[in-house]
Structures are given as structure tokens and as C-alpha cells.
Amino acid sequence: MTKLLSGRSRTYRPGFFARMFPAGRWKLTLDPKLPGHFRLAQDSDVEFSCLDVVSISASKALLWHTVELRTRSRTDTLSALSADAAAQLAGDLHAFINTHLFGLIDNERERLLDVGGRLREVTEGNRQYLGQADLSRAIASVPGAAAAALSHPLLNADLMPAGLKASLPASFAMITNPGVRHAYNEAFVSSELRKFQSFFDDLDRRSFSDQQREACIRLEDNNLLVASAGSGKSATMVGKVAYVLEKRLYRPDEILLLAFNRNAADELRTRIAAQLQVEEDALECRVTTFHALGRGIIEEVEGRPPQLANWVDHPAGETKVIEAIIQSLCESDPEFARMWAELLVVHPKADIPIEVFDGQADYRRYVSDSLQKGSATIGSLSGVIVKSLQEKKIANWLWLHSVAFEYERQIAVEEDGDAVRHLHPDFYYLQTATVHEHFALNADGSSPFADYAQHAEHKRLAYRRNEIDFFETTSAQASNETLLSTLESELARRSIPFERKSYAEITKALDPVIIKHYHQLISTCLKHIRASHLTLDMLLERAKTLHDKERAKLFARVVWMITQGYSRKLEEAKRIDFDSMIADAVRLVESGRYRSPYSLILVDEFQDISEPRANLIKALKQQKAFSKVFAVGDDWQSIYRFAGSDITIFMRFEANFGTSWQGRLEQTHRCNQLIAETAAKFVQRNPEQIKKSVRSTRPAVSRSIRVIPIDDKRDKPDFAVACHRLLERLDAALGGIANRWRDENRDKLKVLVLWRYNVLDPFEGRPPSFANIEVTGLSFHRAKGLEADYTVLLDVSEGNYGVPSRIEDDELLNLVIPRPETFAYAEERRLFYVALTRASRGVYMITSRRQPSRYIHELCEIAGDEVRFETIEGAELSQCPACLVGQLVERRSKDGSKFRGCNQFPDCKHSEPTVAGRRRPSRHR
């Protein structure tokens, strides 16, 4: 980007390399000779009036940073900038516009007294909370250029020349000194809390907490209420609407409430109508979903509803469309068929170096498909257990191409002096008696393992001495993406035939969850690609930043072709999907063809926001002068990345929407204090999550977090049987104390049985009936928003499909997400938090005794003795004080003496003498 000398015309544009991309072909000129205007050359030449610009923001896009420039009639994105260049452009634009605004104010000083009088009318009455927009609205009622400048949304008093600031009337301190407005608002909130005490004491059938009351009263231009699970988010939205209508700050038809699904919108509508004591049909506030709003905007402008694709309303509709596109491409495009087969078979998981992980244990967990007898193992499609992800990649490539081989076949070689030594090469090809070693060697010949390079050289010498046909591949080739091409050329040189298996053979052999995982990845990436107008070049450029570059480039090409097929399918049918519908609605708002009536926009579950939805909120807010946004959400419960949500929009709320107030809802009405506090500390181990101090209205229930380890049956624990036995025990126990909980309002307690994947459903869709408990079974995701007395969490164990699920935290998502999360399994942690916080009385976690989840270990670190380990029948287990997740069991040493050792051996080697009457070891928090 070029910046000319101060006082002269300044031109801004991306660097030379960035201009090779379509997003980088623009030029913006700030010319002092054009006072009040600046020029942008992009698709066409446009001259902007400084007074028309309502918003300037800089943000991180996929490859570069961007500056978003909004007027009331259009939005322009200036992309392909470095972080510094974007910040400089945004800052210089602000300064250029403010210079013009200050000139207008200075030229009409005689009108400033009129503006000052209008300000006094607003502030001296102490009638309402004053956001910047409220001051601007008052000022804008005064005619003239000075008032227009003073009410401009980008006016920055900090940039105002000292002489001009000193000449302003005293009442202007509310604009020029942020401390004055802040002091006024603090005094107003205190006064309002007293004045409306009885109003908040009985609102939405409850007495509001202090934080809820403050959130209802505060009304900055942009507001974010950061909530906790069970803290009354929806009630606060109902209270906000009731309060502003009671104060007559807005008419009902100026208020818009947005929810993410129909059920949530219906519930909000019902509760608001009940609070306002009107029939739902007579409610003038609009309570709707993003989809219904988008559809309504298009219908109002174009006179007919948008033609939605017939699959969008079906829960599995998009998946079926993606499957059909993949099938069609496999049949019609040999290159796609090759890439898709290699992706599924050879690259089911990213090859990430050990250095990236916190320790060897985490790395072993990542690379292993299963844990048997304490050792990490990696299974391949050929049925062979191999020792590394790279060897698995080779074995699966050989399986895919129908190449016969033996793994670690024993071979006798002659050493010096006629001695015979037996080697076990990684791969042995029977057809040509060829030995293939895959060495863990870097490009410089070094290895992360001691004495490994020397060992490899000894093998090479032995093969040469015995004239054995031999070739090698290395970890360096895996890093520089030549591993598989080297393998293919070495086999071809030996005339070993290979024939790729059919798609039907592949899908039959693969674990169905692998295919489902890729379908979900494609669905998520497809949304981001279409919403952000990403290109194949941009995806391939981003792929260079991932650990497994070969897999990332392959996936980028595959998902690009599927996205093109998806877009063609919509075009041919002359239909749109939900994301397209919202994008079309945004264009109609930004172009001014739709005129927004909404001055106050409230958004529920804001942590689930996606880029298209955020753009719709921005467009509505920017088009209607002086309008405000009030968003409510919980960043700890952001679990819909696969549906296109982007948590960074929530985390960077002020950067996205402008200067804001941020409040908290930290009092939960759901979980008892032990569960609430433990879950809060657990989720906040990710330092990127917003800090909250959660307090419960329910006292702590001692040892209400329980872990039930169960043994394997045929290499897999039977969670269904364990679940049924636990429910029978819980039902019987609650029946014995029914007099403590049963009353005229309830004859059963609620139990949620939750699982990470639906394949674990122990009820097959038909939960059993009990005398004292009402059981519902759901996935972790579907349980969000629900609550129960008890929850039972199934398979809280390590594994690809356990908790955390190792396949969900796939680095391929970083191809399309502008600010990928760096904390390991960040969304899986939030998902487990959601599952933990559904229960008020107690949580039961059923886990594999052999491989309990790392999350159980963390809960034990956090809550200490308050986590109880027990059998399925309820007998307390003796817990290992070292690893926290193992149980001490009686063993015998070689000399026959008894001792107690951890059942997690060899991962945990803790042991202690057997002492009669020994109590369970104490653990400390």
C-alpha cells in the first residue's frame, strides 16, 4: 500500500502479489482537493460523500485483512491487505472524514447554540439512558451542516482540534468528553433500578437478578450480554422489550427479535405476549427467525416469496444433495473420483507432527484408532496394525490400489562372518520380492528418535550386501508431499500392477463415520466458500499453512468441485438455499430497496451467529439511522461451527458492530453450585473463552458428579446395558425417597441420557418407562437449551468418536474460517460443557475403564474429592491418587506378595502396599 506525503493526495491499494487475486483489484484515493468526498475504483469508479459513510471496520479475512466500508445504500469490501495496511487505511479514512466534519462544524458556529439547546433538553430530563445514537438523534433534529456533522456516526471527538473543542457550548461536553456521558448513565442506571424495583421484582413470572435488571436498562448503540447456562437469557430479552415499551422509548412495531429456530422464536413470542398481556396474534413486535425475516424481506420487495430448493427444509436434505453430487462427479470425472478415493482412504486424518502436541500421550491418543492393552495401535483398511500415521497412509494407498504386501515380514540376512540376522522391513511386496522401508528421517537425515539414523543405515547396508531389491520412503517426503508419488513410481518401475478399487468397494470397507465426517466438513466449508466468495486459489493458498499440506490441497480441490456442483444445481433449478436467501436479503437492504422499520434489534443465541446473519443485522442497523442492537449469548455454548457459525463474530463484537456495552449474566437457576462451578472452571481452561464467575441459586450437592467405569465386552464396553442398569438403580433409589421430591406439580423426575454420536443411542429411539423417572435420550448437540434433574453421559472415553471426538477438531476447517481457534478441541470442550450443565441434581458419566476421557481427569483436578467413582450398582471405587482416573486394584508381585496398583498401567505406574482397612486415598483440589 502506498501513502503519499501529508497534505497531498493519498492512494491505497493492495500489494503487487495480492493484486493477482480478484479481491485485490481496487484503488482508493483520498484527495484534499475533493473536500467531503473520496474515490474508489473497484468494479467501477465511485465517488463517496463523507456524510454518507456510516461505518468503517477492519477485520481478518481468509488470507488477508479487509476494510469494510458501509453507507446507507451500499457496502464495499477492500480486501487483500496486511494487518498494518488495513489498520492504516481504516484510520486514515476516519481521520479524512472527521477533518471534513470538523470543517462543517467550524463553518456554522452560529448554529451551535441551537444544537446545545437540543442537547440540554435530552440530558436534563434524566428520562432515558443515553447512547451515542440518542445524542445524535437529538442533534439531527436541528437543521444545518453543523448538526449533520455532530450527529455523524463516525464523529470522533478525540480527533477534534483543541481550538474548535474549546469554542463549543458547555452542553457539548456530553459529546466531546466520554466521561461526562458515562457519569450521567451510571447515575441514571442507579436511579432507574430504584424506580423500577417493583417492575423487575415480578417480570416474566420471576424476580430478576441485579445483572438482568441492569441489562434491561442499559441501551448503548451496541450491546452484548454474555450469559451462562441457565442464567435467564430469554427472560432478559422478554424483560428488555417490556422495559423499553414501559418507558415508551420505542413503538412495538419498531422492535425486532431474532431467534435461530422456529421453536425459540415461538417461545419468545408467547412469553412476550403474556408479559404484555396481549394475544399473540395482536403482538406488534416482530419475533421471528433469520430465515423467516430473509424470506419476508425478499417477498416484500419482489412481490413473491423466494424459490427455495426443495431440500432445505429437510433435516438430512443437504447431506443427500452433497452425496448425490459426489456420486455424480465420481461417475463423470475420473480425476475427481481419484481425489475423492484418496481423501477417504489415504487421508482420513491429518498427519500432524508430534511437536504440535502438548506431550507424547496426547500424540499417541491422536494417532491411534484404538487403545488395546495400554498400547497405541493404528489399524489400516488392509486389516494390518501399523506403527505410525504415515505407515497407515502407505498401507491404505496399497489397499486402495490392490497391491499385495506383507507388513514386517521376517527376512534372514547374512552378516559378516556368516552370522545370520533377522530383519522386519515395513513392507514386503511378494510379486517381486521387494523390501520397502519407511524411515522416520528428516530431510537432513536426522531423526527425532535416538540412534534411529544409524539403525536405518545398518538396514540399508544389509539389504545391499544380500542383494535384496530395496527402496525407501521417509518422513521428509511426507512433509514435502512426495511420499505417495515416490511410492507409486518405485512400484511402477518394478512393473507391480495396481488397480484402484471401485467406489462401492471403498464405501463398503470404510467406517461410515469417516464418510459422515467428510460430508459434514464439506457442508461447513461449502457454506463459508459461498458466503465469503472464496476462490480455489484462495483455498490452495490457505492449504499451505496447514500441517498436512498434501491432504489440505486435495480436500481444497475436492470441496471446490463439490461447491461448484452445488451452485450449478441451484442455478439449474432456479432455486436458492437458506444462506443465499439471507445474502439476497442483505443486498436488498444495503441497496435501499427494502426500508427497515426497526430501531431496536434483539438477537437471541448470538454465539451461533454466522457471517451472512451478521451481515443482515449490520445492514438493518446501518440503514435505519440511530438504531440499536442488543445481542444475548453464551460463548461457552458455541457448538454449531459445522452449521456455519463463527464464534469470532461474538468474541470481537465491538470490532464487528462498533462501540458497545458488554454485560454479564452469571447467576444460574439450573445446576447446583458444584456442577455450575466445576463446569465453569472446566470450560475456562481455554483462555480464549470470556471469563465469568458463575453463581447458582441452588446450593452445592456434594459428590453430584459421578463417574462409572465399565469393562470391555468383546473389545468394546456395552454402554447400552450399563445405561439401562443405571436407570433402574436411579429409579429405585428415587422411589425410596419420593416423599422428599414428589408433590402436586410433579410425579416423576426428569433424566436426560446424552451421547456424542447417535450410533450410541441405547434406546433405538424408544426410551423406556419407569415409575419415578421420565427418560429422554438425545445427542449432546440436541440437548442444548434443555434441562433435567439428572443427566447420564454415555461413552465419556478417549477415541475418535468419544469425548472429545478426535475427528471433529479437523484442521481442514481452517481452510475457510478466518480466525481458526488455536486451543485443542475448543468446540468439543464447549460441547462437553453443554452436556454437563443440563442437570440440576446430578451428572453420571459412563466411561470405558480402559480409556477414560481426558476430560474426566480434568474434572477430578478441578473438583477433587467431589467427583465420585463408583460401580454401576453404586459401590464406591478406590481411585488412583496419581492419574486420578484409574482405580486401585489388588495385584501380586513376582514373589507372590500383594499390592495395589492402578488399572491404567503402563500409562500410570502408581502402586502402594495393601493395608487392611485402608480408606480411599484423599485427593486435593
Foldseek 3Di string as FASTA:
>chain_A
DFADDPPAKGKDFADPVLCVDLLRPKMKIDGPVPQQWIWIQHVHIDIDGLLQWQDWFWDFAQPAIWIWTAGLAFIDIRDNHHPVSSVVVSVVSLLSSQVSLLVQLVVPVVCLVVLLVLLCVVQVVLLAQDALLNSLVSLVVRDGSNSSSLSRNSHALVSHDPVSVVSHDPSCCVPNPVVVSVVSNVVSLVVVCVVCVVVQCAALNHRADPQLSSLLRDFYQEEEAAEDPQLCQLSSVLSNVVVCVVSVVDDQLQEEEEEADDVSLVVSLVSNCVRVVHDSVPRNHHRYYLLVVLQVLCCVLVVHGAFADPQQVPPCSLLVLLVVLLVVCLVPPVVLVVLVLLLLAQPLAFQFDPVLDPDPVVVLLLFAFAADPLHGWHAHLVRDTDDGSNLNSVVRVCVQFVFDWDAQDWDWFADPPRDIDIGGAGIARVVQREGEHEAAAAPVQDHPDPCRSVVVVVVVVRCVVRVGHYDYHYVNCQQVVCRVVVVVVVCVVVVRGTHGDDPVVSCVSGDVVSVVLLSLLLLLQLLLCVLVVDDLVLLLVLLVVDRRSNSSNSSSVNSRSSSVVVVVVCVVVVHDHSLVSLQVSLSCLSNPSGQRSHQEYEYEACQQDAPSSLSSVQSNSSNDRSGHYHYYHHVLQNQVSSNHGFNVCVLPVCSSRNDYHYGYSAERAFAAQLLSQLLLVQLCVQVSGDDGHHHYPHHDDFLQAEEAADEADPSHGLQLVLVVLLVVLVLVVCVVVVVVPDDPVDQAFEEEEEEQDPVNPSQVQHDDDGRHYDYDYDYLVVCAPAATAEYEYEAQFRRCRGQVNSSNQGCSSSSRHSDDDSDPCSSSSSSVSSRSRRHHHHYYYYHHQATHHVSQQSSCVRNPPSYFYAHSNGHGFQADQPSRSWGWDWDADPVGAIWTATPNPPVDGDIGRDDPPDDRDGYDD
